[in-house]
Amino acid sequence: MEERGLEMSDTEAETKTIEKYNRVLVVDDEIALLQNIQDILEGQKIGFAQAENAAQALELLQNEKFDVIVCDIQMPKMNGLRFLETIRHKGDSTPVVFFSGFYESEMLKDAMKLGAYDFIEKPLEEAHLLSTLNNATEYGLIQRQMAGIADETDSKTKKTMNEFKSKINQLRVIKYSALQPARK
């Protein structure tokens, strides 16, 4: 992945260090799909880790940081929504991109409300996957930058930033709600 970030002056760059992970976590119980995504990511020289279920993914997240998590919604034991809810409860704000072989508008709306970044339908198209990963990585970097700025600002500014985050999430939910009639 190429270096991403907002332009900063030399002074800002010296005082503000934003972590860059350049890694993707892929979570799916379907081995063939994991291999397909692995081939795509290796071809682009993108670092990645794989987990065959949510429990494995949670273990990986204890020790590693990722730019993006790509996760199947339908998995045995703990589905993608419960996984997302669990990591958000732990304070992990890594962008999560869900994928699934079927479109269910209520499940998708629930995912967006929980803070999912995006949704991709199976079968995965390489260009769409890479574009989504690129956008989600940029989004995650901006989120980390905003969090760093928020740590240094007053409570009024923090409140305003949280209101903006909430509105952004609401717009994503509306986006996917609007797609519902077109997908039936």
Protein backbone atom coordinates (compact mmCIF):
# COMPACT_ATOMS: atom_id res chain seq x y z
CA MET A 1 0.00 0.00 0.00
CA GLU A 2 1.26 3.42 -0.67
CA GLU A 3 1.75 6.00 2.04
CA ARG A 4 -1.45 7.83 2.93
CA GLY A 5 -2.23 10.89 4.97
CA LEU A 6 -3.20 14.50 5.06
CA GLU A 7 -0.60 17.08 4.12
CA MET A 8 1.05 18.58 7.21
CA SER A 9 3.59 21.31 7.71
CA ASP A 10 7.03 20.25 8.96
CA THR A 11 6.19 21.52 12.45
CA GLU A 12 2.93 19.56 12.57
CA ALA A 13 4.68 16.44 11.28
CA GLU A 14 7.27 16.72 14.06
CA THR A 15 4.66 17.02 16.82
CA LYS A 16 2.06 14.63 15.45
CA THR A 17 2.90 11.01 14.77
CA ILE A 18 0.12 8.98 13.20
CA GLU A 19 0.55 5.22 13.20
CA LYS A 20 0.39 3.56 9.80
CA TYR A 21 -0.26 -0.15 9.85
CA ASN A 22 -0.52 -1.12 6.15
CA ARG A 23 -2.20 -4.43 6.98
CA VAL A 24 -5.58 -6.01 6.32
CA LEU A 25 -7.29 -8.63 8.49
CA VAL A 26 -9.53 -10.99 6.50
CA VAL A 27 -12.12 -13.00 8.46
CA ASP A 28 -14.12 -15.76 6.77
CA ASP A 29 -14.93 -19.40 7.38
CA GLU A 30 -14.70 -20.17 3.65
CA ILE A 31 -11.12 -21.25 2.92
CA ALA A 32 -11.41 -20.79 -0.86
CA LEU A 33 -12.45 -17.16 -0.42
CA LEU A 34 -9.59 -16.54 2.03
CA GLN A 35 -7.20 -17.91 -0.61
CA ASN A 36 -8.73 -15.70 -3.30
CA ILE A 37 -8.34 -12.57 -1.17
CA GLN A 38 -4.82 -13.64 -0.19
CA ASP A 39 -3.87 -13.88 -3.88
CA ILE A 40 -5.30 -10.41 -4.56
CA LEU A 41 -3.53 -8.81 -1.58
CA GLU A 42 -0.21 -10.53 -2.27
CA GLY A 43 -0.42 -9.39 -5.89
CA GLN A 44 -0.68 -5.81 -4.64
CA LYS A 45 2.01 -6.33 -1.96
CA ILE A 46 -0.52 -5.56 0.79
CA GLY A 47 0.23 -7.08 4.18
CA PHE A 48 -2.53 -9.21 5.64
CA ALA A 49 -3.53 -11.76 8.22
CA GLN A 50 -6.31 -14.30 8.00
CA ALA A 51 -8.74 -15.71 10.51
CA GLU A 52 -11.19 -18.53 9.83
CA ASN A 53 -13.62 -17.29 12.49
CA ALA A 54 -14.36 -14.34 14.75
CA ALA A 55 -12.63 -15.90 17.77
CA GLN A 56 -9.34 -16.19 15.83
CA ALA A 57 -9.74 -12.61 14.63
CA LEU A 58 -10.25 -11.35 18.18
CA GLU A 59 -7.03 -13.10 19.22
CA LEU A 60 -5.12 -11.43 16.38
CA LEU A 61 -6.54 -8.03 17.31
CA GLN A 62 -5.13 -8.35 20.83
CA ASN A 63 -1.57 -8.21 19.48
CA GLU A 64 -1.72 -6.51 16.09
CA LYS A 65 -3.05 -3.36 14.48
CA PHE A 66 -4.72 -3.37 11.08
CA ASP A 67 -5.77 -0.69 8.59
CA VAL A 68 -8.95 -2.51 7.65
CA ILE A 69 -10.86 -5.61 8.66
CA VAL A 70 -12.68 -7.45 5.87
CA CYS A 71 -15.24 -9.79 7.37
CA ASP A 72 -17.98 -12.14 6.24
CA ILE A 73 -21.32 -11.39 7.88
CA GLN A 74 -22.52 -15.01 8.08
CA MET A 75 -20.14 -17.18 10.10
CA PRO A 76 -20.80 -19.95 12.61
CA LYS A 77 -20.69 -19.29 16.38
CA MET A 78 -20.12 -15.51 16.16
CA ASN A 79 -21.43 -13.71 13.10
CA GLY A 80 -19.86 -10.57 11.68
CA LEU A 81 -22.29 -8.22 13.41
CA ARG A 82 -21.51 -9.68 16.84
CA PHE A 83 -17.80 -9.52 15.98
CA LEU A 84 -18.10 -5.83 15.05
CA GLU A 85 -20.08 -5.10 18.20
CA THR A 86 -17.39 -6.85 20.28
CA ILE A 87 -14.46 -4.94 18.82
CA ARG A 88 -16.28 -1.60 19.06
CA HIS A 89 -17.08 -2.34 22.71
CA LYS A 90 -13.33 -2.88 23.25
CA GLY A 91 -12.62 0.54 21.73
CA ASP A 92 -11.24 -0.68 18.39
CA SER A 93 -12.26 1.77 15.65
CA THR A 94 -10.61 -0.07 12.74
CA PRO A 95 -12.80 0.28 9.62
CA VAL A 96 -14.73 -2.93 8.96
CA VAL A 97 -15.83 -3.89 5.46
CA PHE A 98 -18.41 -6.66 5.39
CA PHE A 99 -19.02 -9.02 2.53
CA SER A 100 -21.71 -11.58 1.95
CA GLY A 101 -23.19 -13.74 -0.76
CA PHE A 102 -26.65 -12.35 -0.15
CA TYR A 103 -28.13 -8.93 0.45
CA GLU A 104 -30.35 -8.46 3.47
CA SER A 105 -31.22 -4.81 4.01
CA GLU A 106 -31.97 -5.05 7.75
CA MET A 107 -28.68 -6.79 8.49
CA LEU A 108 -26.84 -4.22 6.40
CA LYS A 109 -28.54 -1.33 8.20
CA ASP A 110 -27.61 -2.92 11.54
CA ALA A 111 -23.99 -3.20 10.37
CA MET A 112 -23.90 0.47 9.40
CA LYS A 113 -25.44 1.49 12.73
CA LEU A 114 -22.71 -0.47 14.52
CA GLY A 115 -20.12 1.48 12.55
CA ALA A 116 -19.25 -0.76 9.60
CA TYR A 117 -17.42 1.15 6.90
CA ASP A 118 -18.86 -0.57 3.83
CA PHE A 119 -20.38 -3.73 2.33
CA ILE A 120 -19.29 -5.75 -0.71
CA GLU A 121 -21.38 -8.49 -2.29
CA LYS A 122 -19.86 -11.85 -3.21
CA PRO A 123 -18.44 -12.81 -5.57
CA LEU A 124 -15.74 -10.26 -4.84
CA GLU A 125 -14.44 -8.26 -7.79
CA GLU A 126 -10.74 -7.46 -7.42
CA ALA A 127 -10.98 -3.81 -8.51
CA HIS A 128 -13.94 -3.11 -6.23
CA LEU A 129 -12.25 -4.84 -3.28
CA LEU A 130 -8.99 -2.90 -3.75
CA SER A 131 -10.81 0.41 -4.16
CA THR A 132 -12.85 -0.23 -1.02
CA LEU A 133 -9.74 -1.22 0.95
CA ASN A 134 -7.95 1.92 -0.21
CA ASN A 135 -10.87 4.14 0.80
CA ALA A 136 -11.32 2.38 4.14
CA THR A 137 -7.59 2.70 4.88
CA GLU A 138 -7.71 6.42 4.18
CA TYR A 139 -10.83 6.74 6.34
CA GLY A 140 -9.10 4.91 9.21
CA LEU A 141 -6.04 7.15 8.97
CA ILE A 142 -8.23 10.26 9.07
CA GLN A 143 -10.10 8.82 12.08
CA ARG A 144 -6.78 8.30 13.92
CA GLN A 145 -5.67 11.81 13.02
CA MET A 146 -8.97 13.23 14.30
CA ALA A 147 -8.59 11.24 17.52
CA GLY A 148 -5.11 12.71 17.99
CA ILE A 149 -6.42 16.22 17.43
CA ALA A 150 -9.35 15.57 19.77
CA ASP A 151 -6.93 14.58 22.53
CA GLU A 152 -5.39 18.04 22.29
CA THR A 153 -8.59 20.10 22.06
CA ASP A 154 -11.16 21.47 24.45
CA SER A 155 -14.48 19.83 25.28
CA LYS A 156 -16.54 22.06 22.95
CA THR A 157 -14.41 21.05 19.96
CA LYS A 158 -14.59 17.37 20.99
CA LYS A 159 -18.37 17.61 21.18
CA THR A 160 -18.50 19.15 17.68
CA MET A 161 -16.19 16.45 16.29
CA ASN A 162 -18.36 13.71 17.83
CA GLU A 163 -21.46 15.29 16.30
CA PHE A 164 -19.76 15.23 12.88
CA LYS A 165 -18.80 11.57 13.34
CA SER A 166 -22.39 10.75 14.25
CA LYS A 167 -23.71 12.57 11.18
CA ILE A 168 -21.24 10.76 8.92
CA ASN A 169 -22.44 7.43 10.31
CA GLN A 170 -26.08 8.46 9.81
CA LEU A 171 -25.35 9.33 6.18
CA ARG A 172 -23.81 5.88 5.61
CA VAL A 173 -26.91 4.23 7.09
CA ILE A 174 -29.13 6.36 4.85
CA LYS A 175 -26.99 5.43 1.82
CA TYR A 176 -27.58 1.72 2.38
CA SER A 177 -31.23 2.23 3.26
CA ALA A 178 -31.70 3.98 -0.08
CA LEU A 179 -30.19 0.99 -1.91
CA GLN A 180 -32.78 -1.42 -0.51
CA PRO A 181 -35.41 -1.13 -3.29
CA ALA A 182 -32.78 -1.46 -6.02
CA ARG A 183 -31.44 -4.75 -4.58
CA LYS A 184 -34.70 -6.70 -4.32
